[in-house]
Amino acid sequence: MAKKILKVKAKASGDRTKVKMMAKHIMESGQRKDKKTGELIPAKFLQELKVEHGGKVVFEASLGTAVSKNPYIAFNFAGGAKGDELVLTWKENTGASATETVKVK
């Protein structure tokens, strides 16, 4: 199982929930060379990111090599209340994946 890479803040306000997240990830494109060896650094980037609330997908993204290191993503969705749980799933181009959860405040 992969380690947690997402730092998430989710806050309900009225009938909406605002989510801010940062993925601690190198997002390597596979096009850079190692300065010492001159060899290409293998690609390693987040390919998919999905957020679910109450069994419904409220955010989904397909990412690629053009996304910077430690990407920051913010969005809001209708619904959600304090104490609800968000289920976050991510997948790398290497095949690594994980599911993380966070409570709405």
PDB file of N, CA and C in Angstrom:
ATOM      1  N   MET A   1       0.846  -1.188   0.000  1.00  0.00           N
ATOM      2  CA  MET A   1       0.000   0.000   0.000  1.00  0.00           C
ATOM      3  C   MET A   1       0.886   1.246   0.000  1.00  0.00           C
ATOM      4  N   ALA A   2       0.529   2.190  -0.787  1.00  0.00           N
ATOM      5  CA  ALA A   2       1.289   3.432  -0.908  1.00  0.00           C
ATOM      6  C   ALA A   2       1.033   4.340   0.303  1.00  0.00           C
ATOM      7  N   LYS A   3       1.987   5.222   0.548  1.00  0.00           N
ATOM      8  CA  LYS A   3       1.828   6.137   1.674  1.00  0.00           C
ATOM      9  C   LYS A   3       0.861   7.267   1.317  1.00  0.00           C
ATOM     10  N   LYS A   4       0.387   7.959   2.344  1.00  0.00           N
ATOM     11  CA  LYS A   4      -0.507   9.098   2.126  1.00  0.00           C
ATOM     12  C   LYS A   4       0.285  10.236   1.495  1.00  0.00           C
ATOM     13  N   ILE A   5      -0.292  10.804   0.452  1.00  0.00           N
ATOM     14  CA  ILE A   5       0.387  11.921  -0.214  1.00  0.00           C
ATOM     15  C   ILE A   5      -0.479  13.173  -0.258  1.00  0.00           C
ATOM     16  N   LEU A   6      -1.756  13.060   0.118  1.00  0.00           N
ATOM     17  CA  LEU A   6      -2.673  14.187   0.002  1.00  0.00           C
ATOM     18  C   LEU A   6      -2.858  14.907   1.335  1.00  0.00           C
ATOM     19  N   LYS A   7      -2.688  16.217   1.294  1.00  0.00           N
ATOM     20  CA  LYS A   7      -2.979  17.066   2.444  1.00  0.00           C
ATOM     21  C   LYS A   7      -4.268  17.796   2.075  1.00  0.00           C
ATOM     22  N   VAL A   8      -5.326  17.590   2.856  1.00  0.00           N
ATOM     23  CA  VAL A   8      -6.653  18.070   2.467  1.00  0.00           C
ATOM     24  C   VAL A   8      -7.319  18.847   3.595  1.00  0.00           C
ATOM     25  N   LYS A   9      -7.967  19.950   3.206  1.00  0.00           N
ATOM     26  CA  LYS A   9      -8.842  20.698   4.111  1.00  0.00           C
ATOM     27  C   LYS A   9     -10.203  20.778   3.444  1.00  0.00           C
ATOM     28  N   ALA A  10     -11.220  20.323   4.127  1.00  0.00           N
ATOM     29  CA  ALA A  10     -12.584  20.371   3.602  1.00  0.00           C
ATOM     30  C   ALA A  10     -13.463  21.040   4.641  1.00  0.00           C
ATOM     31  N   LYS A  11     -14.188  22.075   4.216  1.00  0.00           N
ATOM     32  CA  LYS A  11     -15.013  22.827   5.159  1.00  0.00           C
ATOM     33  C   LYS A  11     -16.399  23.053   4.570  1.00  0.00           C
ATOM     34  N   ALA A  12     -17.421  22.652   5.340  1.00  0.00           N
ATOM     35  CA  ALA A  12     -18.811  22.855   4.920  1.00  0.00           C
ATOM     36  C   ALA A  12     -19.247  24.242   5.350  1.00  0.00           C
ATOM     37  N   SER A  13     -19.975  24.918   4.451  1.00  0.00           N
ATOM     38  CA  SER A  13     -20.498  26.244   4.741  1.00  0.00           C
ATOM     39  C   SER A  13     -21.817  26.389   3.991  1.00  0.00           C
ATOM     40  N   GLY A  14     -22.908  26.446   4.740  1.00  0.00           N
ATOM     41  CA  GLY A  14     -24.216  26.513   4.110  1.00  0.00           C
ATOM     42  C   GLY A  14     -24.510  25.220   3.386  1.00  0.00           C
ATOM     43  N   ASP A  15     -24.854  25.322   2.112  1.00  0.00           N
ATOM     44  CA  ASP A  15     -25.180  24.120   1.337  1.00  0.00           C
ATOM     45  C   ASP A  15     -24.025  23.683   0.433  1.00  0.00           C
ATOM     46  N   ARG A  16     -22.799  24.173   0.686  1.00  0.00           N
ATOM     47  CA  ARG A  16     -21.644  23.814  -0.140  1.00  0.00           C
ATOM     48  C   ARG A  16     -20.476  23.382   0.745  1.00  0.00           C
ATOM     49  N   THR A  17     -19.601  22.611   0.161  1.00  0.00           N
ATOM     50  CA  THR A  17     -18.371  22.205   0.832  1.00  0.00           C
ATOM     51  C   THR A  17     -17.197  22.634  -0.037  1.00  0.00           C
ATOM     52  N   LYS A  18     -16.256  23.330   0.578  1.00  0.00           N
ATOM     53  CA  LYS A  18     -15.068  23.801  -0.123  1.00  0.00           C
ATOM     54  C   LYS A  18     -13.905  22.872   0.231  1.00  0.00           C
ATOM     55  N   VAL A  19     -13.217  22.404  -0.796  1.00  0.00           N
ATOM     56  CA  VAL A  19     -12.110  21.468  -0.606  1.00  0.00           C
ATOM     57  C   VAL A  19     -10.834  22.065  -1.193  1.00  0.00           C
ATOM     58  N   LYS A  20      -9.766  22.013  -0.401  1.00  0.00           N
ATOM     59  CA  LYS A  20      -8.443  22.443  -0.845  1.00  0.00           C
ATOM     60  C   LYS A  20      -7.498  21.281  -0.586  1.00  0.00           C
ATOM     61  N   MET A  21      -6.738  20.912  -1.603  1.00  0.00           N
ATOM     62  CA  MET A  21      -5.807  19.804  -1.392  1.00  0.00           C
ATOM     63  C   MET A  21      -4.492  20.032  -2.118  1.00  0.00           C
ATOM     64  N   MET A  22      -3.449  19.484  -1.517  1.00  0.00           N
ATOM     65  CA  MET A  22      -2.142  19.503  -2.134  1.00  0.00           C
ATOM     66  C   MET A  22      -1.605  18.082  -2.122  1.00  0.00           C
ATOM     67  N   ALA A  23      -1.125  17.643  -3.266  1.00  0.00           N
ATOM     68  CA  ALA A  23      -0.532  16.314  -3.371  1.00  0.00           C
ATOM     69  C   ALA A  23       0.982  16.458  -3.250  1.00  0.00           C
ATOM     70  N   LYS A  24       1.556  15.806  -2.267  1.00  0.00           N
ATOM     71  CA  LYS A  24       3.012  15.840  -2.104  1.00  0.00           C
ATOM     72  C   LYS A  24       3.575  14.769  -3.039  1.00  0.00           C
ATOM     73  N   HIS A  25       3.945  15.210  -4.243  1.00  0.00           N
ATOM     74  CA  HIS A  25       4.373  14.280  -5.284  1.00  0.00           C
ATOM     75  C   HIS A  25       5.379  14.951  -6.220  1.00  0.00           C
ATOM     76  N   ILE A  26       6.352  14.193  -6.709  1.00  0.00           N
ATOM     77  CA  ILE A  26       7.404  14.773  -7.553  1.00  0.00           C
ATOM     78  C   ILE A  26       6.945  15.104  -8.964  1.00  0.00           C
ATOM     79  N   MET A  27       5.910  14.428  -9.458  1.00  0.00           N
ATOM     80  CA  MET A  27       5.356  14.688 -10.793  1.00  0.00           C
ATOM     81  C   MET A  27       6.462  14.765 -11.849  1.00  0.00           C
ATOM     82  N   GLU A  28       7.274  13.724 -11.924  1.00  0.00           N
ATOM     83  CA  GLU A  28       8.397  13.666 -12.870  1.00  0.00           C
ATOM     84  C   GLU A  28       7.888  13.299 -14.263  1.00  0.00           C
ATOM     85  N   SER A  29       8.252  14.088 -15.264  1.00  0.00           N
ATOM     86  CA  SER A  29       7.734  13.927 -16.624  1.00  0.00           C
ATOM     87  C   SER A  29       8.419  12.821 -17.426  1.00  0.00           C
ATOM     88  N   GLY A  30       9.623  12.439 -17.042  1.00  0.00           N
ATOM     89  CA  GLY A  30      10.368  11.452 -17.807  1.00  0.00           C
ATOM     90  C   GLY A  30      11.203  12.088 -18.918  1.00  0.00           C
ATOM     91  N   GLN A  31      11.253  13.408 -18.950  1.00  0.00           N
ATOM     92  CA  GLN A  31      11.992  14.111 -19.999  1.00  0.00           C
ATOM     93  C   GLN A  31      13.269  14.785 -19.485  1.00  0.00           C
ATOM     94  N   ARG A  32      13.433  14.818 -18.166  1.00  0.00           N
ATOM     95  CA  ARG A  32      14.636  15.445 -17.604  1.00  0.00           C
ATOM     96  C   ARG A  32      15.752  14.420 -17.461  1.00  0.00           C
ATOM     97  N   LYS A  33      16.990  14.912 -17.483  1.00  0.00           N
ATOM     98  CA  LYS A  33      18.143  14.045 -17.281  1.00  0.00           C
ATOM     99  C   LYS A  33      18.724  14.281 -15.897  1.00  0.00           C
ATOM    100  N   ASP A  34      19.232  13.221 -15.312  1.00  0.00           N
ATOM    101  CA  ASP A  34      19.923  13.311 -14.032  1.00  0.00           C
ATOM    102  C   ASP A  34      21.207  14.099 -14.262  1.00  0.00           C
ATOM    103  N   LYS A  35      21.459  15.115 -13.439  1.00  0.00           N
ATOM    104  CA  LYS A  35      22.632  15.985 -13.635  1.00  0.00           C
ATOM    105  C   LYS A  35      23.953  15.242 -13.463  1.00  0.00           C
ATOM    106  N   LYS A  36      23.977  14.226 -12.599  1.00  0.00           N
ATOM    107  CA  LYS A  36      25.227  13.504 -12.340  1.00  0.00           C
ATOM    108  C   LYS A  36      25.511  12.435 -13.390  1.00  0.00           C
ATOM    109  N   THR A  37      24.477  11.669 -13.746  1.00  0.00           N
ATOM    110  CA  THR A  37      24.701  10.529 -14.647  1.00  0.00           C
ATOM    111  C   THR A  37      24.352  10.819 -16.103  1.00  0.00           C
ATOM    112  N   GLY A  38      23.537  11.819 -16.349  1.00  0.00           N
ATOM    113  CA  GLY A  38      23.105  12.121 -17.702  1.00  0.00           C
ATOM    114  C   GLY A  38      21.980  11.217 -18.200  1.00  0.00           C
ATOM    115  N   GLU A  39      21.552  10.285 -17.357  1.00  0.00           N
ATOM    116  CA  GLU A  39      20.466   9.362 -17.712  1.00  0.00           C
ATOM    117  C   GLU A  39      19.107  10.040 -17.519  1.00  0.00           C
ATOM    118  N   LEU A  40      18.145   9.628 -18.350  1.00  0.00           N
ATOM    119  CA  LEU A  40      16.778  10.138 -18.190  1.00  0.00           C
ATOM    120  C   LEU A  40      16.194   9.669 -16.868  1.00  0.00           C
ATOM    121  N   ILE A  41      15.514  10.578 -16.191  1.00  0.00           N
ATOM    122  CA  ILE A  41      14.810  10.229 -14.954  1.00  0.00           C
ATOM    123  C   ILE A  41      13.469   9.638 -15.372  1.00  0.00           C
ATOM    124  N   PRO A  42      13.135   8.440 -14.895  1.00  0.00           N
ATOM    125  CA  PRO A  42      11.878   7.800 -15.314  1.00  0.00           C
ATOM    126  C   PRO A  42      10.645   8.626 -14.937  1.00  0.00           C
ATOM    127  N   ALA A  43       9.637   8.574 -15.785  1.00  0.00           N
ATOM    128  CA  ALA A  43       8.380   9.280 -15.523  1.00  0.00           C
ATOM    129  C   ALA A  43       7.698   8.696 -14.288  1.00  0.00           C
ATOM    130  N   LYS A  44       7.189   9.578 -13.443  1.00  0.00           N
ATOM    131  CA  LYS A  44       6.445   9.180 -12.247  1.00  0.00           C
ATOM    132  C   LYS A  44       5.528  10.348 -11.907  1.00  0.00           C
ATOM    133  N   PHE A  45       4.253  10.202 -12.272  1.00  0.00           N
ATOM    134  CA  PHE A  45       3.319  11.305 -12.056  1.00  0.00           C
ATOM    135  C   PHE A  45       1.937  10.770 -11.709  1.00  0.00           C
ATOM    136  N   LEU A  46       1.139  11.607 -11.076  1.00  0.00           N
ATOM    137  CA  LEU A  46      -0.239  11.251 -10.783  1.00  0.00           C
ATOM    138  C   LEU A  46      -1.022  11.272 -12.082  1.00  0.00           C
ATOM    139  N   GLN A  47      -1.765  10.210 -12.309  1.00  0.00           N
ATOM    140  CA  GLN A  47      -2.524  10.088 -13.542  1.00  0.00           C
ATOM    141  C   GLN A  47      -4.007  10.350 -13.303  1.00  0.00           C
ATOM    142  N   GLU A  48      -4.513   9.893 -12.162  1.00  0.00           N
ATOM    143  CA  GLU A  48      -5.934  10.046 -11.850  1.00  0.00           C
ATOM    144  C   GLU A  48      -6.097  10.490 -10.399  1.00  0.00           C
ATOM    145  N   LEU A  49      -7.100  11.325 -10.190  1.00  0.00           N
ATOM    146  CA  LEU A  49      -7.459  11.780  -8.850  1.00  0.00           C
ATOM    147  C   LEU A  49      -8.969  11.854  -8.791  1.00  0.00           C
ATOM    148  N   LYS A  50      -9.560  11.219  -7.765  1.00  0.00           N
ATOM    149  CA  LYS A  50     -11.015  11.188  -7.647  1.00  0.00           C
ATOM    150  C   LYS A  50     -11.411  11.426  -6.198  1.00  0.00           C
ATOM    151  N   VAL A  51     -12.467  12.227  -5.994  1.00  0.00           N
ATOM    152  CA  VAL A  51     -12.992  12.502  -4.663  1.00  0.00           C
ATOM    153  C   VAL A  51     -14.465  12.112  -4.646  1.00  0.00           C
ATOM    154  N   GLU A  52     -14.839  11.328  -3.628  1.00  0.00           N
ATOM    155  CA  GLU A  52     -16.227  10.895  -3.480  1.00  0.00           C
ATOM    156  C   GLU A  52     -16.792  11.373  -2.148  1.00  0.00           C
ATOM    157  N   HIS A  53     -18.076  11.699  -2.168  1.00  0.00           N
ATOM    158  CA  HIS A  53     -18.803  12.084  -0.968  1.00  0.00           C
ATOM    159  C   HIS A  53     -20.133  11.331  -0.986  1.00  0.00           C
ATOM    160  N   GLY A  54     -20.385  10.551   0.034  1.00  0.00           N
ATOM    161  CA  GLY A  54     -21.636   9.801   0.100  1.00  0.00           C
ATOM    162  C   GLY A  54     -21.812   8.830  -1.058  1.00  0.00           C
ATOM    163  N   GLY A  55     -20.712   8.260  -1.562  1.00  0.00           N
ATOM    164  CA  GLY A  55     -20.780   7.311  -2.657  1.00  0.00           C
ATOM    165  C   GLY A  55     -20.881   7.926  -4.039  1.00  0.00           C
ATOM    166  N   LYS A  56     -20.929   9.259  -4.115  1.00  0.00           N
ATOM    167  CA  LYS A  56     -21.000   9.951  -5.411  1.00  0.00           C
ATOM    168  C   LYS A  56     -19.678  10.658  -5.688  1.00  0.00           C
ATOM    169  N   VAL A  57     -19.254  10.630  -6.944  1.00  0.00           N
ATOM    170  CA  VAL A  57     -18.037  11.331  -7.345  1.00  0.00           C
ATOM    171  C   VAL A  57     -18.350  12.822  -7.424  1.00  0.00           C
ATOM    172  N   VAL A  58     -17.606  13.635  -6.653  1.00  0.00           N
ATOM    173  CA  VAL A  58     -17.815  15.089  -6.658  1.00  0.00           C
ATOM    174  C   VAL A  58     -16.681  15.821  -7.369  1.00  0.00           C
ATOM    175  N   PHE A  59     -15.574  15.104  -7.623  1.00  0.00           N
ATOM    176  CA  PHE A  59     -14.448  15.686  -8.355  1.00  0.00           C
ATOM    177  C   PHE A  59     -13.648  14.553  -8.972  1.00  0.00           C
ATOM    178  N   GLU A  60     -13.228  14.763 -10.220  1.00  0.00           N
ATOM    179  CA  GLU A  60     -12.403  13.778 -10.898  1.00  0.00           C
ATOM    180  C   GLU A  60     -11.468  14.508 -11.848  1.00  0.00           C
ATOM    181  N   ALA A  61     -10.202  14.102 -11.871  1.00  0.00           N
ATOM    182  CA  ALA A  61      -9.230  14.749 -12.744  1.00  0.00           C
ATOM    183  C   ALA A  61      -8.301  13.720 -13.364  1.00  0.00           C
ATOM    184  N   SER A  62      -7.962  13.955 -14.621  1.00  0.00           N
ATOM    185  CA  SER A  62      -6.924  13.192 -15.312  1.00  0.00           C
ATOM    186  C   SER A  62      -5.718  14.111 -15.409  1.00  0.00           C
ATOM    187  N   LEU A  63      -4.635  13.717 -14.769  1.00  0.00           N
ATOM    188  CA  LEU A  63      -3.436  14.550 -14.730  1.00  0.00           C
ATOM    189  C   LEU A  63      -2.375  13.960 -15.650  1.00  0.00           C
ATOM    190  N   GLY A  64      -1.340  14.720 -15.906  1.00  0.00           N
ATOM    191  CA  GLY A  64      -0.277  14.243 -16.788  1.00  0.00           C
ATOM    192  C   GLY A  64       1.045  14.897 -16.489  1.00  0.00           C
ATOM    193  N   THR A  65       1.945  14.812 -17.440  1.00  0.00           N
ATOM    194  CA  THR A  65       3.318  15.288 -17.247  1.00  0.00           C
ATOM    195  C   THR A  65       3.446  16.806 -17.182  1.00  0.00           C
ATOM    196  N   ALA A  66       2.442  17.533 -17.609  1.00  0.00           N
ATOM    197  CA  ALA A  66       2.522  18.995 -17.612  1.00  0.00           C
ATOM    198  C   ALA A  66       2.153  19.609 -16.261  1.00  0.00           C
ATOM    199  N   VAL A  67       1.741  18.811 -15.307  1.00  0.00           N
ATOM    200  CA  VAL A  67       1.352  19.305 -13.980  1.00  0.00           C
ATOM    201  C   VAL A  67       2.602  19.405 -13.105  1.00  0.00           C
ATOM    202  N   SER A  68       2.727  20.518 -12.395  1.00  0.00           N
ATOM    203  CA  SER A  68       3.926  20.784 -11.599  1.00  0.00           C
ATOM    204  C   SER A  68       4.025  19.896 -10.352  1.00  0.00           C
ATOM    205  N   LYS A  69       5.216  19.887  -9.783  1.00  0.00           N
ATOM    206  CA  LYS A  69       5.492  19.183  -8.533  1.00  0.00           C
ATOM    207  C   LYS A  69       4.559  19.698  -7.444  1.00  0.00           C
ATOM    208  N   ASN A  70       4.106  18.812  -6.569  1.00  0.00           N
ATOM    209  CA  ASN A  70       3.216  19.150  -5.449  1.00  0.00           C
ATOM    210  C   ASN A  70       1.993  19.956  -5.899  1.00  0.00           C
ATOM    211  N   PRO A  71       1.186  19.397  -6.791  1.00  0.00           N
ATOM    212  CA  PRO A  71       0.049  20.166  -7.320  1.00  0.00           C
ATOM    213  C   PRO A  71      -0.982  20.530  -6.252  1.00  0.00           C
ATOM    214  N   TYR A  72      -1.519  21.737  -6.383  1.00  0.00           N
ATOM    215  CA  TYR A  72      -2.564  22.256  -5.510  1.00  0.00           C
ATOM    216  C   TYR A  72      -3.866  22.291  -6.309  1.00  0.00           C
ATOM    217  N   ILE A  73      -4.913  21.736  -5.720  1.00  0.00           N
ATOM    218  CA  ILE A  73      -6.219  21.691  -6.382  1.00  0.00           C
ATOM    219  C   ILE A  73      -7.274  22.155  -5.390  1.00  0.00           C
ATOM    220  N   ALA A  74      -8.171  23.031  -5.845  1.00  0.00           N
ATOM    221  CA  ALA A  74      -9.271  23.505  -5.001  1.00  0.00           C
ATOM    222  C   ALA A  74     -10.566  23.410  -5.798  1.00  0.00           C
ATOM    223  N   PHE A  75     -11.638  23.031  -5.123  1.00  0.00           N
ATOM    224  CA  PHE A  75     -12.951  22.948  -5.752  1.00  0.00           C
ATOM    225  C   PHE A  75     -14.008  22.981  -4.659  1.00  0.00           C
ATOM    226  N   ASN A  76     -15.256  23.160  -5.054  1.00  0.00           N
ATOM    227  CA  ASN A  76     -16.346  23.052  -4.097  1.00  0.00           C
ATOM    228  C   ASN A  76     -17.468  22.266  -4.741  1.00  0.00           C
ATOM    229  N   PHE A  77     -18.331  21.728  -3.889  1.00  0.00           N
ATOM    230  CA  PHE A  77     -19.449  20.943  -4.393  1.00  0.00           C
ATOM    231  C   PHE A  77     -20.671  21.173  -3.512  1.00  0.00           C
ATOM    232  N   ALA A  78     -21.839  20.936  -4.100  1.00  0.00           N
ATOM    233  CA  ALA A  78     -23.099  21.106  -3.371  1.00  0.00           C
ATOM    234  C   ALA A  78     -23.263  19.965  -2.393  1.00  0.00           C
ATOM    235  N   GLY A  79     -23.635  20.305  -1.165  1.00  0.00           N
ATOM    236  CA  GLY A  79     -23.858  19.291  -0.136  1.00  0.00           C
ATOM    237  C   GLY A  79     -22.690  19.203   0.818  1.00  0.00           C
ATOM    238  N   GLY A  80     -22.755  18.195   1.657  1.00  0.00           N
ATOM    239  CA  GLY A  80     -21.709  17.988   2.655  1.00  0.00           C
ATOM    240  C   GLY A  80     -22.045  18.700   3.942  1.00  0.00           C
ATOM    241  N   ALA A  81     -21.666  18.076   5.031  1.00  0.00           N
ATOM    242  CA  ALA A  81     -21.902  18.638   6.358  1.00  0.00           C
ATOM    243  C   ALA A  81     -20.725  18.274   7.259  1.00  0.00           C
ATOM    244  N   LYS A  82     -20.575  19.012   8.323  1.00  0.00           N
ATOM    245  CA  LYS A  82     -19.502  18.767   9.274  1.00  0.00           C
ATOM    246  C   LYS A  82     -19.564  17.314   9.732  1.00  0.00           C
ATOM    247  N   GLY A  83     -18.412  16.651   9.698  1.00  0.00           N
ATOM    248  CA  GLY A  83     -18.332  15.258  10.119  1.00  0.00           C
ATOM    249  C   GLY A  83     -18.464  14.247   8.991  1.00  0.00           C
ATOM    250  N   ASP A  84     -18.949  14.680   7.822  1.00  0.00           N
ATOM    251  CA  ASP A  84     -19.030  13.773   6.666  1.00  0.00           C
ATOM    252  C   ASP A  84     -17.618  13.354   6.259  1.00  0.00           C
ATOM    253  N   GLU A  85     -17.543  12.253   5.550  1.00  0.00           N
ATOM    254  CA  GLU A  85     -16.251  11.743   5.114  1.00  0.00           C
ATOM    255  C   GLU A  85     -16.101  11.848   3.596  1.00  0.00           C
ATOM    256  N   LEU A  86     -14.929  12.290   3.177  1.00  0.00           N
ATOM    257  CA  LEU A  86     -14.576  12.309   1.757  1.00  0.00           C
ATOM    258  C   LEU A  86     -13.595  11.167   1.511  1.00  0.00           C
ATOM    259  N   VAL A  87     -13.790  10.456   0.413  1.00  0.00           N
ATOM    260  CA  VAL A  87     -12.898   9.368   0.037  1.00  0.00           C
ATOM    261  C   VAL A  87     -12.111   9.826  -1.188  1.00  0.00           C
ATOM    262  N   LEU A  88     -10.795   9.881  -1.049  1.00  0.00           N
ATOM    263  CA  LEU A  88      -9.915  10.367  -2.110  1.00  0.00           C
ATOM    264  C   LEU A  88      -9.098   9.197  -2.649  1.00  0.00           C
ATOM    265  N   THR A  89      -9.120   9.024  -3.961  1.00  0.00           N
ATOM    266  CA  THR A  89      -8.382   7.943  -4.594  1.00  0.00           C
ATOM    267  C   THR A  89      -7.449   8.537  -5.639  1.00  0.00           C
ATOM    268  N   TRP A  90      -6.202   8.081  -5.624  1.00  0.00           N
ATOM    269  CA  TRP A  90      -5.247   8.531  -6.627  1.00  0.00           C
ATOM    270  C   TRP A  90      -4.527   7.346  -7.233  1.00  0.00           C
ATOM    271  N   LYS A  91      -4.037   7.539  -8.465  1.00  0.00           N
ATOM    272  CA  LYS A  91      -3.315   6.502  -9.177  1.00  0.00           C
ATOM    273  C   LYS A  91      -2.168   7.138  -9.949  1.00  0.00           C
ATOM    274  N   GLU A  92      -0.993   6.510  -9.864  1.00  0.00           N
ATOM    275  CA  GLU A  92       0.194   6.961 -10.589  1.00  0.00           C
ATOM    276  C   GLU A  92       0.320   6.233 -11.923  1.00  0.00           C
ATOM    277  N   ASN A  93       1.115   6.788 -12.814  1.00  0.00           N
ATOM    278  CA  ASN A  93       1.402   6.110 -14.080  1.00  0.00           C
ATOM    279  C   ASN A  93       2.192   4.818 -13.862  1.00  0.00           C
ATOM    280  N   THR A  94       2.825   4.671 -12.699  1.00  0.00           N
ATOM    281  CA  THR A  94       3.613   3.476 -12.377  1.00  0.00           C
ATOM    282  C   THR A  94       2.737   2.314 -11.931  1.00  0.00           C
ATOM    283  N   GLY A  95       1.461   2.592 -11.687  1.00  0.00           N
ATOM    284  CA  GLY A  95       0.549   1.560 -11.196  1.00  0.00           C
ATOM    285  C   GLY A  95       0.265   1.681  -9.708  1.00  0.00           C
ATOM    286  N   ALA A  96       1.066   2.448  -8.995  1.00  0.00           N
ATOM    287  CA  ALA A  96       0.814   2.653  -7.565  1.00  0.00           C
ATOM    288  C   ALA A  96      -0.493   3.419  -7.394  1.00  0.00           C
ATOM    289  N   SER A  97      -1.233   3.088  -6.348  1.00  0.00           N
ATOM    290  CA  SER A  97      -2.487   3.784  -6.071  1.00  0.00           C
ATOM    291  C   SER A  97      -2.795   3.678  -4.588  1.00  0.00           C
ATOM    292  N   ALA A  98      -3.698   4.512  -4.130  1.00  0.00           N
ATOM    293  CA  ALA A  98      -4.101   4.470  -2.729  1.00  0.00           C
ATOM    294  C   ALA A  98      -5.437   5.191  -2.580  1.00  0.00           C
ATOM    295  N   THR A  99      -6.079   4.895  -1.470  1.00  0.00           N
ATOM    296  CA  THR A  99      -7.315   5.567  -1.092  1.00  0.00           C
ATOM    297  C   THR A  99      -7.094   6.187   0.274  1.00  0.00           C
ATOM    298  N   GLU A 100      -7.453   7.445   0.398  1.00  0.00           N
ATOM    299  CA  GLU A 100      -7.312   8.181   1.649  1.00  0.00           C
ATOM    300  C   GLU A 100      -8.674   8.765   2.025  1.00  0.00           C
ATOM    301  N   THR A 101      -8.879   9.021   3.295  1.00  0.00           N
ATOM    302  CA  THR A 101     -10.137   9.621   3.744  1.00  0.00           C
ATOM    303  C   THR A 101      -9.857  10.865   4.575  1.00  0.00           C
ATOM    304  N   VAL A 102     -10.822  11.772   4.564  1.00  0.00           N
ATOM    305  CA  VAL A 102     -10.721  12.993   5.353  1.00  0.00           C
ATOM    306  C   VAL A 102     -12.131  13.402   5.786  1.00  0.00           C
ATOM    307  N   LYS A 103     -12.227  13.971   6.976  1.00  0.00           N
ATOM    308  CA  LYS A 103     -13.502  14.435   7.499  1.00  0.00           C
ATOM    309  C   LYS A 103     -13.726  15.896   7.125  1.00  0.00           C
ATOM    310  N   VAL A 104     -14.963  16.222   6.834  1.00  0.00           N
ATOM    311  CA  VAL A 104     -15.357  17.604   6.555  1.00  0.00           C
ATOM    312  C   VAL A 104     -15.468  18.328   7.893  1.00  0.00           C
ATOM    313  N   LYS A 105     -14.944  19.532   7.968  1.00  0.00           N
ATOM    314  CA  LYS A 105     -15.020  20.331   9.201  1.00  0.00           C
ATOM    315  C   LYS A 105     -16.059  21.405   9.064  1.00  0.00           C
TER     316      LYS A 105
END
